[in-house]
Amino acid sequence: MTSPLRYLLLILLPGAAALAASTQVSTTKPIINFSLPSFTAEGFRTWLVRGSEAQYVNPDRIDVKGLTLSIFSGKADGKVDTLILSPTATVLPADTVATGTDTIRVINDEFEATGSEWRYAHKERKVTIDKNVRVSFRAEFKDILK
């Protein structure tokens, strides 16, 4: 003999499973203290996108305020190779690209660069800055004027 509770669960369970399978993330409110990491196949961190606030536009686009993008070595040492800072940015997670029209500051051990209208493509590990570019090198240039 089947109890009424068990019968009710058998009726409701397929409906609940279908609802869970069709659930999608969406929000009209900003995400505060946003963080989005990316990892290698081996589990080592490759980049970490952080922002004071983020707006989830769709699965392919996130608009971030107060961007701090940490680019890691992708190795077991977990070393941060480069930092990218910008007041606003658009992150394309599937393409691992960040872009913006606002100012950018790129910092690593060898140089520091600033400017505006920029793009960072993580697969190529390439930063492009189109306007007001200024670069300060920390490396020593021997015999550059000979």
N, C-alpha and C. Protein backbone atom coordinates (compact mmCIF):
# COMPACT_ATOMS: atom_id res chain seq x y z
N MET A 1 0.84 -1.18 0.00
CA MET A 1 0.00 0.00 0.00
C MET A 1 0.89 1.25 0.00
N THR A 2 0.59 2.24 -0.82
CA THR A 2 1.37 3.45 -0.97
C THR A 2 0.76 4.55 -0.13
N SER A 3 1.62 5.26 0.62
CA SER A 3 1.13 6.36 1.45
C SER A 3 0.77 7.55 0.58
N PRO A 4 -0.13 8.45 1.02
CA PRO A 4 -0.49 9.64 0.23
C PRO A 4 0.71 10.55 -0.02
N LEU A 5 1.64 10.66 0.96
CA LEU A 5 2.82 11.50 0.79
C LEU A 5 3.71 10.98 -0.33
N ARG A 6 3.92 9.65 -0.35
CA ARG A 6 4.74 9.06 -1.41
C ARG A 6 4.09 9.27 -2.77
N TYR A 7 2.78 9.12 -2.85
CA TYR A 7 2.06 9.34 -4.10
C TYR A 7 2.21 10.79 -4.57
N LEU A 8 2.11 11.75 -3.64
CA LEU A 8 2.26 13.16 -3.97
C LEU A 8 3.66 13.45 -4.49
N LEU A 9 4.69 12.87 -3.83
CA LEU A 9 6.07 13.06 -4.28
C LEU A 9 6.29 12.50 -5.68
N LEU A 10 5.70 11.36 -5.98
CA LEU A 10 5.85 10.76 -7.31
C LEU A 10 5.22 11.64 -8.38
N ILE A 11 4.18 12.37 -8.03
CA ILE A 11 3.53 13.27 -8.98
C ILE A 11 4.34 14.55 -9.15
N LEU A 12 4.85 15.13 -8.04
CA LEU A 12 5.53 16.42 -8.07
C LEU A 12 6.98 16.35 -8.53
N LEU A 13 7.66 15.25 -8.29
CA LEU A 13 9.09 15.14 -8.58
C LEU A 13 9.43 15.37 -10.05
N PRO A 14 8.74 14.78 -11.03
CA PRO A 14 9.09 15.07 -12.43
C PRO A 14 8.91 16.54 -12.79
N GLY A 15 7.91 17.19 -12.27
CA GLY A 15 7.69 18.61 -12.53
C GLY A 15 8.80 19.46 -11.95
N ALA A 16 9.23 19.15 -10.73
CA ALA A 16 10.33 19.90 -10.10
C ALA A 16 11.63 19.70 -10.86
N ALA A 17 11.88 18.49 -11.34
CA ALA A 17 13.10 18.22 -12.11
C ALA A 17 13.09 18.99 -13.42
N ALA A 18 11.95 19.06 -14.08
CA ALA A 18 11.85 19.81 -15.33
C ALA A 18 12.06 21.30 -15.09
N LEU A 19 11.53 21.82 -13.99
CA LEU A 19 11.70 23.24 -13.66
C LEU A 19 13.17 23.54 -13.38
N ALA A 20 13.85 22.68 -12.65
CA ALA A 20 15.27 22.90 -12.34
C ALA A 20 16.12 22.84 -13.60
N ALA A 21 15.79 21.97 -14.53
CA ALA A 21 16.57 21.84 -15.77
C ALA A 21 16.42 23.06 -16.67
N SER A 22 15.30 23.77 -16.56
CA SER A 22 15.08 24.92 -17.43
C SER A 22 15.43 26.25 -16.77
N THR A 23 15.92 26.23 -15.54
CA THR A 23 16.24 27.46 -14.83
C THR A 23 17.48 28.12 -15.41
N GLN A 24 17.42 29.43 -15.65
CA GLN A 24 18.54 30.20 -16.16
C GLN A 24 18.83 31.34 -15.20
N VAL A 25 20.08 31.76 -15.18
CA VAL A 25 20.47 32.89 -14.34
C VAL A 25 20.13 34.18 -15.05
N SER A 26 19.47 35.08 -14.33
CA SER A 26 19.24 36.42 -14.85
C SER A 26 18.99 37.33 -13.66
N THR A 27 19.45 38.54 -13.80
CA THR A 27 19.23 39.51 -12.75
C THR A 27 19.24 40.90 -13.34
N THR A 28 18.39 41.75 -12.80
CA THR A 28 18.40 43.14 -13.23
C THR A 28 19.15 43.99 -12.22
N LYS A 29 19.46 43.41 -11.08
CA LYS A 29 20.20 44.14 -10.05
C LYS A 29 21.69 43.84 -10.17
N PRO A 30 22.54 44.80 -9.81
CA PRO A 30 23.99 44.56 -9.91
C PRO A 30 24.46 43.56 -8.87
N ILE A 31 25.53 42.88 -9.22
CA ILE A 31 26.19 41.95 -8.31
C ILE A 31 27.29 42.74 -7.60
N ILE A 32 27.25 42.79 -6.30
CA ILE A 32 28.23 43.53 -5.50
C ILE A 32 29.41 42.61 -5.17
N ASN A 33 30.63 43.17 -5.21
CA ASN A 33 31.86 42.40 -4.94
C ASN A 33 31.96 41.18 -5.85
N PHE A 34 31.88 41.44 -7.14
CA PHE A 34 31.89 40.41 -8.17
C PHE A 34 33.27 39.76 -8.28
N SER A 35 33.28 38.46 -8.55
CA SER A 35 34.53 37.72 -8.74
C SER A 35 34.29 36.59 -9.73
N LEU A 36 35.17 36.46 -10.73
CA LEU A 36 35.05 35.40 -11.73
C LEU A 36 36.44 34.85 -12.05
N PRO A 37 36.77 33.66 -11.54
CA PRO A 37 38.08 33.08 -11.84
C PRO A 37 38.04 32.22 -13.10
N SER A 38 39.23 31.94 -13.63
CA SER A 38 39.39 31.03 -14.76
C SER A 38 40.60 30.14 -14.45
N PHE A 39 40.50 28.86 -14.84
CA PHE A 39 41.53 27.88 -14.48
C PHE A 39 42.01 27.10 -15.70
N THR A 40 43.24 26.57 -15.59
CA THR A 40 43.76 25.67 -16.61
C THR A 40 43.11 24.30 -16.44
N ALA A 41 43.34 23.40 -17.38
CA ALA A 41 42.82 22.04 -17.28
C ALA A 41 43.39 21.32 -16.05
N GLU A 42 44.59 21.74 -15.63
CA GLU A 42 45.23 21.13 -14.47
C GLU A 42 44.74 21.73 -13.15
N GLY A 43 43.92 22.78 -13.23
CA GLY A 43 43.36 23.39 -12.03
C GLY A 43 44.11 24.60 -11.51
N PHE A 44 45.06 25.12 -12.28
CA PHE A 44 45.80 26.31 -11.86
C PHE A 44 45.08 27.56 -12.36
N ARG A 45 45.10 28.59 -11.54
CA ARG A 45 44.41 29.83 -11.88
C ARG A 45 45.11 30.55 -13.03
N THR A 46 44.32 31.04 -14.00
CA THR A 46 44.88 31.79 -15.13
C THR A 46 44.52 33.26 -15.07
N TRP A 47 43.30 33.58 -14.62
CA TRP A 47 42.91 34.97 -14.43
C TRP A 47 41.83 35.05 -13.38
N LEU A 48 41.71 36.20 -12.78
CA LEU A 48 40.67 36.47 -11.80
C LEU A 48 40.13 37.86 -12.08
N VAL A 49 38.87 37.92 -12.49
CA VAL A 49 38.19 39.19 -12.73
C VAL A 49 37.46 39.55 -11.44
N ARG A 50 37.75 40.74 -10.93
CA ARG A 50 37.04 41.22 -9.74
C ARG A 50 36.51 42.62 -10.04
N GLY A 51 35.41 42.95 -9.38
CA GLY A 51 34.85 44.28 -9.53
C GLY A 51 34.03 44.65 -8.32
N SER A 52 33.94 45.95 -8.06
CA SER A 52 33.12 46.40 -6.94
C SER A 52 31.65 46.15 -7.24
N GLU A 53 31.32 46.12 -8.53
CA GLU A 53 29.94 45.89 -8.96
C GLU A 53 29.96 45.33 -10.37
N ALA A 54 29.01 44.46 -10.68
CA ALA A 54 28.92 43.90 -12.03
C ALA A 54 27.46 43.77 -12.42
N GLN A 55 27.22 43.96 -13.70
CA GLN A 55 25.88 43.78 -14.25
C GLN A 55 25.93 42.62 -15.23
N TYR A 56 25.19 41.58 -14.93
CA TYR A 56 25.11 40.41 -15.81
C TYR A 56 24.18 40.76 -16.96
N VAL A 57 24.73 40.97 -18.14
CA VAL A 57 23.93 41.34 -19.31
C VAL A 57 23.35 40.08 -19.96
N ASN A 58 24.20 39.10 -20.20
CA ASN A 58 23.80 37.79 -20.72
C ASN A 58 24.98 36.84 -20.49
N PRO A 59 24.87 35.55 -20.82
CA PRO A 59 25.98 34.63 -20.55
C PRO A 59 27.30 35.01 -21.22
N ASP A 60 27.23 35.82 -22.27
CA ASP A 60 28.43 36.19 -23.02
C ASP A 60 28.97 37.57 -22.65
N ARG A 61 28.29 38.31 -21.75
CA ARG A 61 28.72 39.68 -21.44
C ARG A 61 28.40 40.07 -20.01
N ILE A 62 29.43 40.58 -19.33
CA ILE A 62 29.28 41.10 -17.97
C ILE A 62 29.94 42.47 -17.94
N ASP A 63 29.20 43.49 -17.54
CA ASP A 63 29.75 44.84 -17.40
C ASP A 63 30.20 45.03 -15.95
N VAL A 64 31.46 45.46 -15.78
CA VAL A 64 32.08 45.52 -14.45
C VAL A 64 32.48 46.95 -14.12
N LYS A 65 32.24 47.36 -12.87
CA LYS A 65 32.73 48.64 -12.35
C LYS A 65 33.84 48.33 -11.37
N GLY A 66 34.88 49.16 -11.38
CA GLY A 66 36.01 48.95 -10.47
C GLY A 66 36.76 47.67 -10.77
N LEU A 67 37.11 47.47 -12.03
CA LEU A 67 37.77 46.23 -12.47
C LEU A 67 39.19 46.10 -11.91
N THR A 68 39.46 44.94 -11.36
CA THR A 68 40.82 44.48 -11.07
C THR A 68 40.94 43.11 -11.72
N LEU A 69 41.76 43.03 -12.76
CA LEU A 69 41.97 41.78 -13.47
C LEU A 69 43.37 41.29 -13.16
N SER A 70 43.46 40.18 -12.45
CA SER A 70 44.75 39.58 -12.10
C SER A 70 45.03 38.46 -13.09
N ILE A 71 46.20 38.54 -13.72
CA ILE A 71 46.59 37.52 -14.70
C ILE A 71 47.70 36.69 -14.07
N PHE A 72 47.44 35.40 -13.94
CA PHE A 72 48.35 34.49 -13.26
C PHE A 72 49.23 33.74 -14.26
N SER A 73 50.28 33.13 -13.73
CA SER A 73 51.21 32.35 -14.57
C SER A 73 50.54 31.11 -15.15
N GLY A 74 49.49 30.60 -14.51
CA GLY A 74 48.84 29.38 -14.97
C GLY A 74 49.60 28.14 -14.56
N LYS A 75 50.53 28.32 -13.62
CA LYS A 75 51.35 27.21 -13.13
C LYS A 75 51.08 27.00 -11.65
N ALA A 76 51.69 25.99 -11.07
CA ALA A 76 51.48 25.65 -9.66
C ALA A 76 51.93 26.75 -8.72
N ASP A 77 52.86 27.62 -9.16
CA ASP A 77 53.35 28.69 -8.28
C ASP A 77 52.29 29.75 -7.97
N GLY A 78 51.23 29.83 -8.80
CA GLY A 78 50.15 30.78 -8.57
C GLY A 78 50.57 32.24 -8.64
N LYS A 79 51.67 32.53 -9.31
CA LYS A 79 52.23 33.88 -9.39
C LYS A 79 51.36 34.80 -10.24
N VAL A 80 51.14 36.02 -9.74
CA VAL A 80 50.45 37.04 -10.52
C VAL A 80 51.48 37.68 -11.45
N ASP A 81 51.26 37.57 -12.76
CA ASP A 81 52.17 38.15 -13.75
C ASP A 81 51.85 39.61 -14.01
N THR A 82 50.56 39.93 -14.11
CA THR A 82 50.14 41.27 -14.50
C THR A 82 48.82 41.63 -13.83
N LEU A 83 48.66 42.89 -13.52
CA LEU A 83 47.39 43.44 -13.02
C LEU A 83 46.87 44.44 -14.03
N ILE A 84 45.57 44.41 -14.27
CA ILE A 84 44.91 45.40 -15.11
C ILE A 84 43.82 46.05 -14.28
N LEU A 85 43.85 47.37 -14.22
CA LEU A 85 42.87 48.13 -13.45
C LEU A 85 42.12 49.09 -14.36
N SER A 86 40.81 49.19 -14.17
CA SER A 86 40.02 50.13 -14.95
C SER A 86 38.73 50.44 -14.20
N PRO A 87 38.26 51.69 -14.28
CA PRO A 87 37.01 52.05 -13.61
C PRO A 87 35.79 51.28 -14.14
N THR A 88 35.79 51.00 -15.46
CA THR A 88 34.69 50.24 -16.07
C THR A 88 35.25 49.33 -17.15
N ALA A 89 34.59 48.20 -17.36
CA ALA A 89 35.02 47.26 -18.39
C ALA A 89 33.87 46.34 -18.76
N THR A 90 34.00 45.74 -19.91
CA THR A 90 33.09 44.68 -20.34
C THR A 90 33.90 43.41 -20.44
N VAL A 91 33.41 42.35 -19.79
CA VAL A 91 34.09 41.06 -19.80
C VAL A 91 33.26 40.09 -20.64
N LEU A 92 33.95 39.41 -21.55
CA LEU A 92 33.33 38.39 -22.39
C LEU A 92 33.89 37.04 -21.92
N PRO A 93 33.24 36.39 -20.96
CA PRO A 93 33.82 35.20 -20.31
C PRO A 93 34.13 34.05 -21.26
N ALA A 94 33.27 33.77 -22.22
CA ALA A 94 33.50 32.65 -23.12
C ALA A 94 34.75 32.85 -23.97
N ASP A 95 35.04 34.10 -24.32
CA ASP A 95 36.21 34.41 -25.13
C ASP A 95 37.43 34.77 -24.28
N THR A 96 37.28 34.85 -22.98
CA THR A 96 38.29 35.35 -22.03
C THR A 96 38.90 36.66 -22.55
N VAL A 97 38.00 37.63 -22.76
CA VAL A 97 38.38 38.96 -23.24
C VAL A 97 37.78 39.99 -22.31
N ALA A 98 38.55 41.04 -22.04
CA ALA A 98 38.04 42.21 -21.31
C ALA A 98 38.33 43.42 -22.18
N THR A 99 37.40 44.36 -22.19
CA THR A 99 37.54 45.53 -23.04
C THR A 99 36.89 46.73 -22.37
N GLY A 100 37.34 47.93 -22.78
CA GLY A 100 36.75 49.13 -22.22
C GLY A 100 37.16 50.38 -22.95
N THR A 101 36.36 51.44 -22.76
CA THR A 101 36.68 52.74 -23.35
C THR A 101 37.27 53.67 -22.30
N ASP A 102 37.07 53.34 -21.04
CA ASP A 102 37.58 54.15 -19.94
C ASP A 102 39.10 53.94 -19.81
N THR A 103 39.69 54.56 -18.82
CA THR A 103 41.14 54.44 -18.62
C THR A 103 41.53 53.03 -18.19
N ILE A 104 42.79 52.70 -18.45
CA ILE A 104 43.34 51.41 -18.06
C ILE A 104 44.72 51.65 -17.46
N ARG A 105 45.09 50.80 -16.53
CA ARG A 105 46.45 50.79 -15.97
C ARG A 105 46.90 49.34 -15.96
N VAL A 106 48.00 49.07 -16.63
CA VAL A 106 48.57 47.72 -16.73
C VAL A 106 49.88 47.72 -15.95
N ILE A 107 50.00 46.80 -15.00
CA ILE A 107 51.17 46.77 -14.12
C ILE A 107 51.78 45.37 -14.13
N ASN A 108 53.09 45.30 -14.39
CA ASN A 108 53.83 44.06 -14.16
C ASN A 108 55.26 44.41 -13.77
N ASP A 109 56.12 43.41 -13.64
CA ASP A 109 57.49 43.63 -13.15
C ASP A 109 58.35 44.44 -14.12
N GLU A 110 58.02 44.42 -15.40
CA GLU A 110 58.88 45.05 -16.41
C GLU A 110 58.43 46.43 -16.86
N PHE A 111 57.14 46.72 -16.77
CA PHE A 111 56.63 48.01 -17.23
C PHE A 111 55.30 48.35 -16.57
N GLU A 112 54.90 49.59 -16.75
CA GLU A 112 53.57 50.04 -16.37
C GLU A 112 53.04 50.87 -17.54
N ALA A 113 51.81 50.62 -17.95
CA ALA A 113 51.21 51.32 -19.08
C ALA A 113 49.84 51.86 -18.69
N THR A 114 49.51 53.03 -19.24
CA THR A 114 48.19 53.62 -19.03
C THR A 114 47.65 54.09 -20.37
N GLY A 115 46.36 54.33 -20.42
CA GLY A 115 45.72 54.83 -21.63
C GLY A 115 44.23 54.63 -21.55
N SER A 116 43.57 54.65 -22.71
CA SER A 116 42.13 54.43 -22.77
C SER A 116 41.78 53.71 -24.07
N GLU A 117 40.53 53.28 -24.17
CA GLU A 117 40.07 52.48 -25.31
C GLU A 117 40.98 51.27 -25.50
N TRP A 118 40.73 50.27 -24.73
CA TRP A 118 41.63 49.13 -24.62
C TRP A 118 40.90 47.79 -24.78
N ARG A 119 41.74 46.75 -24.96
CA ARG A 119 41.24 45.38 -25.07
C ARG A 119 42.32 44.43 -24.55
N TYR A 120 41.91 43.46 -23.74
CA TYR A 120 42.82 42.41 -23.30
C TYR A 120 42.26 41.07 -23.77
N ALA A 121 43.04 40.35 -24.56
CA ALA A 121 42.68 39.01 -25.03
C ALA A 121 43.55 38.01 -24.28
N HIS A 122 42.93 37.24 -23.41
CA HIS A 122 43.69 36.35 -22.53
C HIS A 122 44.35 35.19 -23.27
N LYS A 123 43.70 34.65 -24.28
CA LYS A 123 44.29 33.52 -25.01
C LYS A 123 45.62 33.91 -25.64
N GLU A 124 45.71 35.15 -26.11
CA GLU A 124 46.95 35.65 -26.70
C GLU A 124 47.82 36.35 -25.66
N ARG A 125 47.26 36.60 -24.48
CA ARG A 125 47.93 37.38 -23.43
C ARG A 125 48.40 38.72 -24.01
N LYS A 126 47.46 39.41 -24.66
CA LYS A 126 47.79 40.63 -25.38
C LYS A 126 46.88 41.77 -24.95
N VAL A 127 47.50 42.90 -24.57
CA VAL A 127 46.77 44.12 -24.25
C VAL A 127 46.97 45.10 -25.40
N THR A 128 45.87 45.68 -25.88
CA THR A 128 45.92 46.72 -26.91
C THR A 128 45.32 47.98 -26.31
N ILE A 129 46.07 49.08 -26.36
CA ILE A 129 45.59 50.37 -25.87
C ILE A 129 45.63 51.34 -27.04
N ASP A 130 44.48 51.96 -27.35
CA ASP A 130 44.39 52.79 -28.56
C ASP A 130 44.59 54.28 -28.35
N LYS A 131 44.33 54.82 -27.16
CA LYS A 131 44.41 56.27 -26.98
C LYS A 131 45.19 56.64 -25.72
N ASN A 132 45.84 57.80 -25.81
CA ASN A 132 46.54 58.39 -24.65
C ASN A 132 47.50 57.40 -23.98
N VAL A 133 48.25 56.68 -24.77
CA VAL A 133 49.14 55.64 -24.26
C VAL A 133 50.39 56.24 -23.64
N ARG A 134 50.72 55.73 -22.47
CA ARG A 134 51.96 56.12 -21.80
C ARG A 134 52.54 54.86 -21.16
N VAL A 135 53.83 54.61 -21.44
CA VAL A 135 54.49 53.41 -20.93
C VAL A 135 55.74 53.81 -20.17
N SER A 136 55.91 53.24 -19.00
CA SER A 136 57.13 53.42 -18.20
C SER A 136 57.78 52.06 -18.03
N PHE A 137 59.04 51.95 -18.51
CA PHE A 137 59.76 50.69 -18.41
C PHE A 137 60.56 50.64 -17.12
N ARG A 138 60.59 49.48 -16.51
CA ARG A 138 61.40 49.27 -15.31
C ARG A 138 62.69 48.54 -15.64
N ALA A 139 62.78 48.05 -16.85
CA ALA A 139 63.96 47.29 -17.29
C ALA A 139 65.09 48.25 -17.62
N GLU A 140 66.31 47.75 -17.49
CA GLU A 140 67.47 48.55 -17.81
C GLU A 140 67.81 48.38 -19.29
N PHE A 141 68.00 49.52 -19.96
CA PHE A 141 68.39 49.49 -21.37
C PHE A 141 69.86 49.83 -21.44
N LYS A 142 70.69 48.85 -21.74
CA LYS A 142 72.12 49.08 -21.84
C LYS A 142 72.46 49.50 -23.27
N ASP A 143 73.30 50.50 -23.37
CA ASP A 143 73.84 50.95 -24.67
C ASP A 143 72.73 51.29 -25.69
N ILE A 144 71.65 51.87 -25.22
CA ILE A 144 70.53 52.19 -26.12
C ILE A 144 70.86 53.35 -27.06
N LEU A 145 71.74 54.25 -26.66
CA LEU A 145 72.05 55.41 -27.49
C LEU A 145 73.34 55.29 -28.27
N LYS A 146 73.88 54.14 -28.40
CA LYS A 146 75.13 53.96 -29.16
C LYS A 146 74.89 53.95 -30.62
